[in-house]
PDB file of N, CA and C in Angstrom:
ATOM      1  N   UNK A   1      83.684  76.958 112.541  1.00  0.00           N
ATOM      2  CA  UNK A   1      84.667  76.033 112.017  1.00  0.00           C
ATOM      3  C   UNK A   1      85.790  75.856 113.025  1.00  0.00           C
ATOM      4  N   UNK A   2      86.511  74.784 112.859  1.00  0.00           N
ATOM      5  CA  UNK A   2      87.609  74.505 113.772  1.00  0.00           C
ATOM      6  C   UNK A   2      88.905  75.112 113.254  1.00  0.00           C
ATOM      7  N   UNK A   3      89.870  75.140 114.137  1.00  0.00           N
ATOM      8  CA  UNK A   3      91.191  75.650 113.756  1.00  0.00           C
ATOM      9  C   UNK A   3      91.789  74.762 112.671  1.00  0.00           C
ATOM     10  N   UNK A   4      92.554  75.343 111.753  1.00  0.00           N
ATOM     11  CA  UNK A   4      93.191  74.518 110.726  1.00  0.00           C
ATOM     12  C   UNK A   4      94.285  73.655 111.345  1.00  0.00           C
ATOM     13  N   UNK A   5      94.467  72.508 110.783  1.00  0.00           N
ATOM     14  CA  UNK A   5      95.523  71.624 111.256  1.00  0.00           C
ATOM     15  C   UNK A   5      96.775  71.848 110.421  1.00  0.00           C
ATOM     16  N   UNK A   6      97.863  71.304 110.905  1.00  0.00           N
ATOM     17  CA  UNK A   6      99.115  71.396 110.156  1.00  0.00           C
ATOM     18  C   UNK A   6      98.952  70.769 108.773  1.00  0.00           C
ATOM     19  N   UNK A   7      98.260  69.639 108.715  1.00  0.00           N
ATOM     20  CA  UNK A   7      98.049  68.959 107.429  1.00  0.00           C
ATOM     21  C   UNK A   7      97.260  69.838 106.461  1.00  0.00           C
ATOM     22  N   UNK A   8      96.271  70.560 106.979  1.00  0.00           N
ATOM     23  CA  UNK A   8      95.471  71.451 106.131  1.00  0.00           C
ATOM     24  C   UNK A   8      96.333  72.575 105.573  1.00  0.00           C
ATOM     25  N   UNK A   9      97.111  73.228 106.435  1.00  0.00           N
ATOM     26  CA  UNK A   9      97.973  74.318 105.980  1.00  0.00           C
ATOM     27  C   UNK A   9      99.050  73.814 105.024  1.00  0.00           C
ATOM     28  N   UNK A  10      99.549  72.627 105.280  1.00  0.00           N
ATOM     29  CA  UNK A  10     100.566  72.048 104.398  1.00  0.00           C
ATOM     30  C   UNK A  10      99.980  71.787 103.014  1.00  0.00           C
ATOM     31  N   UNK A  11      98.753  71.263 102.978  1.00  0.00           N
ATOM     32  CA  UNK A  11      98.087  71.010 101.698  1.00  0.00           C
ATOM     33  C   UNK A  11      97.804  72.318 100.959  1.00  0.00           C
ATOM     34  N   UNK A  12      97.361  73.345 101.699  1.00  0.00           N
ATOM     35  CA  UNK A  12      97.112  74.653 101.081  1.00  0.00           C
ATOM     36  C   UNK A  12      98.412  75.250 100.543  1.00  0.00           C
ATOM     37  N   UNK A  13      99.482  75.095 101.294  1.00  0.00           N
ATOM     38  CA  UNK A  13     100.781  75.599 100.869  1.00  0.00           C
ATOM     39  C   UNK A  13     101.200  74.940  99.553  1.00  0.00           C
ATOM     40  N   UNK A  14     101.019  73.634  99.463  1.00  0.00           N
ATOM     41  CA  UNK A  14     101.398  72.919  98.244  1.00  0.00           C
ATOM     42  C   UNK A  14     100.503  73.299  97.073  1.00  0.00           C
ATOM     43  N   UNK A  15      99.195  73.371  97.321  1.00  0.00           N
ATOM     44  CA  UNK A  15      98.225  73.619  96.246  1.00  0.00           C
ATOM     45  C   UNK A  15      98.256  75.053  95.738  1.00  0.00           C
ATOM     46  N   UNK A  16      98.266  76.014  96.641  1.00  0.00           N
ATOM     47  CA  UNK A  16      98.100  77.410  96.248  1.00  0.00           C
ATOM     48  C   UNK A  16      99.394  78.222  96.199  1.00  0.00           C
ATOM     49  N   UNK A  17     100.420  77.778  96.923  1.00  0.00           N
ATOM     50  CA  UNK A  17     101.638  78.574  97.008  1.00  0.00           C
ATOM     51  C   UNK A  17     102.878  77.837  96.504  1.00  0.00           C
ATOM     52  N   UNK A  18     102.685  76.681  95.899  1.00  0.00           N
ATOM     53  CA  UNK A  18     103.818  75.951  95.331  1.00  0.00           C
ATOM     54  C   UNK A  18     104.855  75.519  96.352  1.00  0.00           C
ATOM     55  N   UNK A  19     104.428  75.295  97.598  1.00  0.00           N
ATOM     56  CA  UNK A  19     105.351  74.867  98.645  1.00  0.00           C
ATOM     57  C   UNK A  19     106.315  75.948  99.087  1.00  0.00           C
ATOM     58  N   UNK A  20     105.945  77.212  98.906  1.00  0.00           N
ATOM     59  CA  UNK A  20     106.814  78.352  99.216  1.00  0.00           C
ATOM     60  C   UNK A  20     107.145  78.446 100.707  1.00  0.00           C
ATOM     61  N   UNK A  21     106.190  78.064 101.561  1.00  0.00           N
ATOM     62  CA  UNK A  21     106.417  78.191 103.000  1.00  0.00           C
ATOM     63  C   UNK A  21     107.076  76.940 103.556  1.00  0.00           C
ATOM     64  N   UNK A  22     107.990  77.145 104.467  1.00  0.00           N
ATOM     65  CA  UNK A  22     108.688  76.061 105.132  1.00  0.00           C
ATOM     66  C   UNK A  22     107.759  75.402 106.150  1.00  0.00           C
ATOM     67  N   UNK A  23     107.924  74.097 106.355  1.00  0.00           N
ATOM     68  CA  UNK A  23     107.083  73.382 107.320  1.00  0.00           C
ATOM     69  C   UNK A  23     107.182  73.985 108.722  1.00  0.00           C
ATOM     70  N   UNK A  24     108.357  74.485 109.098  1.00  0.00           N
ATOM     71  CA  UNK A  24     108.517  75.090 110.430  1.00  0.00           C
ATOM     72  C   UNK A  24     107.638  76.328 110.577  1.00  0.00           C
ATOM     73  N   UNK A  25     107.518  77.108 109.501  1.00  0.00           N
ATOM     74  CA  UNK A  25     106.644  78.283 109.542  1.00  0.00           C
ATOM     75  C   UNK A  25     105.185  77.873 109.684  1.00  0.00           C
ATOM     76  N   UNK A  26     104.798  76.825 108.971  1.00  0.00           N
ATOM     77  CA  UNK A  26     103.416  76.348 109.056  1.00  0.00           C
ATOM     78  C   UNK A  26     103.105  75.803 110.448  1.00  0.00           C
ATOM     79  N   UNK A  27     104.072  75.122 111.047  1.00  0.00           N
ATOM     80  CA  UNK A  27     103.872  74.596 112.402  1.00  0.00           C
ATOM     81  C   UNK A  27     103.632  75.729 113.395  1.00  0.00           C
ATOM     82  N   UNK A  28     104.309  76.854 113.204  1.00  0.00           N
ATOM     83  CA  UNK A  28     104.103  78.001 114.095  1.00  0.00           C
ATOM     84  C   UNK A  28     102.686  78.541 113.982  1.00  0.00           C
ATOM     85  N   UNK A  29     102.123  78.474 112.773  1.00  0.00           N
ATOM     86  CA  UNK A  29     100.774  79.000 112.579  1.00  0.00           C
ATOM     87  C   UNK A  29      99.714  78.203 113.331  1.00  0.00           C
ATOM     88  N   UNK A  30      99.941  76.921 113.517  1.00  0.00           N
ATOM     89  CA  UNK A  30      98.939  76.115 114.218  1.00  0.00           C
ATOM     90  C   UNK A  30      99.265  75.931 115.696  1.00  0.00           C
ATOM     91  N   UNK A  31     100.426  76.417 116.127  1.00  0.00           N
ATOM     92  CA  UNK A  31     100.787  76.317 117.542  1.00  0.00           C
ATOM     93  C   UNK A  31      99.869  77.208 118.369  1.00  0.00           C
ATOM     94  N   UNK A  32      99.364  76.712 119.494  1.00  0.00           N
ATOM     95  CA  UNK A  32      98.435  77.500 120.307  1.00  0.00           C
ATOM     96  C   UNK A  32      99.022  78.820 120.797  1.00  0.00           C
ATOM     97  N   UNK A  33     100.314  78.892 121.011  1.00  0.00           N
ATOM     98  CA  UNK A  33     100.914  80.123 121.524  1.00  0.00           C
ATOM     99  C   UNK A  33     101.065  81.190 120.448  1.00  0.00           C
ATOM    100  N   UNK A  34     101.036  80.806 119.188  1.00  0.00           N
ATOM    101  CA  UNK A  34     101.220  81.781 118.109  1.00  0.00           C
ATOM    102  C   UNK A  34     100.005  82.684 117.990  1.00  0.00           C
ATOM    103  N   UNK A  35      98.821  82.095 117.962  1.00  0.00           N
ATOM    104  CA  UNK A  35      97.584  82.852 118.057  1.00  0.00           C
ATOM    105  C   UNK A  35      97.151  83.651 116.854  1.00  0.00           C
ATOM    106  N   UNK A  36      97.809  83.547 115.711  1.00  0.00           N
ATOM    107  CA  UNK A  36      97.403  84.329 114.548  1.00  0.00           C
ATOM    108  C   UNK A  36      96.268  83.651 113.800  1.00  0.00           C
ATOM    109  N   UNK A  37      96.372  82.350 113.602  1.00  0.00           N
ATOM    110  CA  UNK A  37      95.342  81.621 112.867  1.00  0.00           C
ATOM    111  C   UNK A  37      94.323  81.101 113.863  1.00  0.00           C
ATOM    112  N   UNK A  38      93.182  81.761 113.921  1.00  0.00           N
ATOM    113  CA  UNK A  38      92.162  81.361 114.882  1.00  0.00           C
ATOM    114  C   UNK A  38      91.153  80.406 114.276  1.00  0.00           C
ATOM    115  N   UNK A  39      91.014  80.416 112.959  1.00  0.00           N
ATOM    116  CA  UNK A  39      90.081  79.499 112.313  1.00  0.00           C
ATOM    117  C   UNK A  39      90.398  79.401 110.834  1.00  0.00           C
ATOM    118  N   UNK A  40      89.886  78.348 110.233  1.00  0.00           N
ATOM    119  CA  UNK A  40      90.042  78.164 108.799  1.00  0.00           C
ATOM    120  C   UNK A  40      89.366  79.310 108.052  1.00  0.00           C
ATOM    121  N   UNK A  41      88.249  79.781 108.598  1.00  0.00           N
ATOM    122  CA  UNK A  41      87.539  80.915 107.987  1.00  0.00           C
ATOM    123  C   UNK A  41      88.440  82.146 107.920  1.00  0.00           C
ATOM    124  N   UNK A  42      89.202  82.390 108.977  1.00  0.00           N
ATOM    125  CA  UNK A  42      90.116  83.540 109.014  1.00  0.00           C
ATOM    126  C   UNK A  42      91.179  83.420 107.928  1.00  0.00           C
ATOM    127  N   UNK A  43      91.703  82.218 107.739  1.00  0.00           N
ATOM    128  CA  UNK A  43      92.709  81.999 106.699  1.00  0.00           C
ATOM    129  C   UNK A  43      92.122  82.319 105.331  1.00  0.00           C
ATOM    130  N   UNK A  44      90.918  81.812 105.064  1.00  0.00           N
ATOM    131  CA  UNK A  44      90.263  82.050 103.779  1.00  0.00           C
ATOM    132  C   UNK A  44      89.975  83.538 103.591  1.00  0.00           C
ATOM    133  N   UNK A  45      89.467  84.199 104.618  1.00  0.00           N
ATOM    134  CA  UNK A  45      89.176  85.631 104.518  1.00  0.00           C
ATOM    135  C   UNK A  45      90.446  86.441 104.253  1.00  0.00           C
ATOM    136  N   UNK A  46      91.534  86.081 104.934  1.00  0.00           N
ATOM    137  CA  UNK A  46      92.801  86.779 104.715  1.00  0.00           C
ATOM    138  C   UNK A  46      93.300  86.579 103.289  1.00  0.00           C
ATOM    139  N   UNK A  47      93.194  85.338 102.790  1.00  0.00           N
ATOM    140  CA  UNK A  47      93.617  85.067 101.420  1.00  0.00           C
ATOM    141  C   UNK A  47      92.757  85.825 100.417  1.00  0.00           C
ATOM    142  N   UNK A  48      91.444  85.880 100.670  1.00  0.00           N
ATOM    143  CA  UNK A  48      90.554  86.614  99.769  1.00  0.00           C
ATOM    144  C   UNK A  48      90.900  88.102  99.763  1.00  0.00           C
ATOM    145  N   UNK A  49      91.206  88.653 100.928  1.00  0.00           N
ATOM    146  CA  UNK A  49      91.563  90.066 101.019  1.00  0.00           C
ATOM    147  C   UNK A  49      92.840  90.355 100.228  1.00  0.00           C
ATOM    148  N   UNK A  50      93.806  89.458 100.327  1.00  0.00           N
ATOM    149  CA  UNK A  50      95.061  89.631  99.601  1.00  0.00           C
ATOM    150  C   UNK A  50      94.822  89.548  98.095  1.00  0.00           C
ATOM    151  N   UNK A  51      94.049  88.559  97.675  1.00  0.00           N
ATOM    152  CA  UNK A  51      93.783  88.364  96.246  1.00  0.00           C
ATOM    153  C   UNK A  51      92.985  89.522  95.672  1.00  0.00           C
ATOM    154  N   UNK A  52      92.053  90.058  96.438  1.00  0.00           N
ATOM    155  CA  UNK A  52      91.195  91.129  95.948  1.00  0.00           C
ATOM    156  C   UNK A  52      91.827  92.513  96.045  1.00  0.00           C
ATOM    157  N   UNK A  53      92.992  92.613  96.656  1.00  0.00           N
ATOM    158  CA  UNK A  53      93.646  93.909  96.826  1.00  0.00           C
ATOM    159  C   UNK A  53      93.991  94.496  95.458  1.00  0.00           C
ATOM    160  N   UNK A  54      93.706  95.749  95.286  1.00  0.00           N
ATOM    161  CA  UNK A  54      93.980  96.432  94.027  1.00  0.00           C
ATOM    162  C   UNK A  54      95.460  96.773  93.955  1.00  0.00           C
ATOM    163  N   UNK A  55      96.163  96.125  93.061  1.00  0.00           N
ATOM    164  CA  UNK A  55      97.595  96.355  92.917  1.00  0.00           C
ATOM    165  C   UNK A  55      97.908  97.331  91.794  1.00  0.00           C
ATOM    166  N   UNK A  56      96.859  97.924  91.234  1.00  0.00           N
ATOM    167  CA  UNK A  56      97.070  98.830  90.110  1.00  0.00           C
ATOM    168  C   UNK A  56      97.371  98.052  88.847  1.00  0.00           C
ATOM    169  N   UNK A  57      97.913  98.729  87.873  1.00  0.00           N
ATOM    170  CA  UNK A  57      98.237  98.070  86.618  1.00  0.00           C
ATOM    171  C   UNK A  57      99.636  97.495  86.710  1.00  0.00           C
ATOM    172  N   UNK A  58      99.728  96.194  86.688  1.00  0.00           N
ATOM    173  CA  UNK A  58     101.013  95.518  86.731  1.00  0.00           C
ATOM    174  C   UNK A  58     101.080  94.627  85.497  1.00  0.00           C
ATOM    175  N   UNK A  59     101.826  95.084  84.496  1.00  0.00           N
ATOM    176  CA  UNK A  59     101.944  94.326  83.253  1.00  0.00           C
ATOM    177  C   UNK A  59     103.380  94.364  82.770  1.00  0.00           C
ATOM    178  N   UNK A  60     103.726  93.452  81.877  1.00  0.00           N
ATOM    179  CA  UNK A  60     105.085  93.466  81.326  1.00  0.00           C
ATOM    180  C   UNK A  60     105.384  94.737  80.540  1.00  0.00           C
ATOM    181  N   UNK A  61     104.342  95.452  80.092  1.00  0.00           N
ATOM    182  CA  UNK A  61     104.535  96.649  79.279  1.00  0.00           C
ATOM    183  C   UNK A  61     104.691  97.920  80.107  1.00  0.00           C
ATOM    184  N   UNK A  62     104.744  97.817  81.430  1.00  0.00           N
ATOM    185  CA  UNK A  62     104.838  99.008  82.275  1.00  0.00           C
ATOM    186  C   UNK A  62     106.089  99.836  81.987  1.00  0.00           C
ATOM    187  N   UNK A  63     107.133  99.225  81.460  1.00  0.00           N
ATOM    188  CA  UNK A  63     108.354  99.988  81.171  1.00  0.00           C
ATOM    189  C   UNK A  63     108.139 100.995  80.044  1.00  0.00           C
ATOM    190  N   UNK A  64     107.043 100.874  79.296  1.00  0.00           N
ATOM    191  CA  UNK A  64     106.733 101.807  78.210  1.00  0.00           C
ATOM    192  C   UNK A  64     105.804 102.931  78.651  1.00  0.00           C
ATOM    193  N   UNK A  65     105.584 103.076  79.929  1.00  0.00           N
ATOM    194  CA  UNK A  65     104.597 104.035  80.415  1.00  0.00           C
ATOM    195  C   UNK A  65     105.096 105.475  80.400  1.00  0.00           C
ATOM    196  N   UNK A  66     106.333 105.700  80.045  1.00  0.00           N
ATOM    197  CA  UNK A  66     106.857 107.059  79.993  1.00  0.00           C
ATOM    198  C   UNK A  66     107.576 107.470  81.262  1.00  0.00           C
ATOM    199  N   UNK A  67     107.579 106.640  82.284  1.00  0.00           N
ATOM    200  CA  UNK A  67     108.282 106.956  83.525  1.00  0.00           C
ATOM    201  C   UNK A  67     109.757 106.630  83.356  1.00  0.00           C
ATOM    202  N   UNK A  68     110.601 107.464  83.892  1.00  0.00           N
ATOM    203  CA  UNK A  68     112.042 107.222  83.812  1.00  0.00           C
ATOM    204  C   UNK A  68     112.658 107.348  85.189  1.00  0.00           C
ATOM    205  N   UNK A  69     113.864 106.884  85.315  1.00  0.00           N
ATOM    206  CA  UNK A  69     114.608 106.970  86.574  1.00  0.00           C
ATOM    207  C   UNK A  69     115.620 108.098  86.537  1.00  0.00           C
ATOM    208  N   UNK A  70     115.382 109.115  85.734  1.00  0.00           N
ATOM    209  CA  UNK A  70     116.338 110.225  85.574  1.00  0.00           C
ATOM    210  C   UNK A  70     116.549 110.965  86.861  1.00  0.00           C
TER     211      UNK A  70
END
């Protein structure tokens, strides 16, 4: 696959992240000197790894777990 374009990252930012990332940050990702995003496949794999990461039990009821800040 080819490297993602700015338009692709911008669309992903809007669709999946609610526009959380600034356009300047996205431009850095596609700049040849930045070198982090080597392919669209890499972006997808990184996102899958983040989504699949086990964060443990995170629920609104965690404050009832018996842990205190004493």
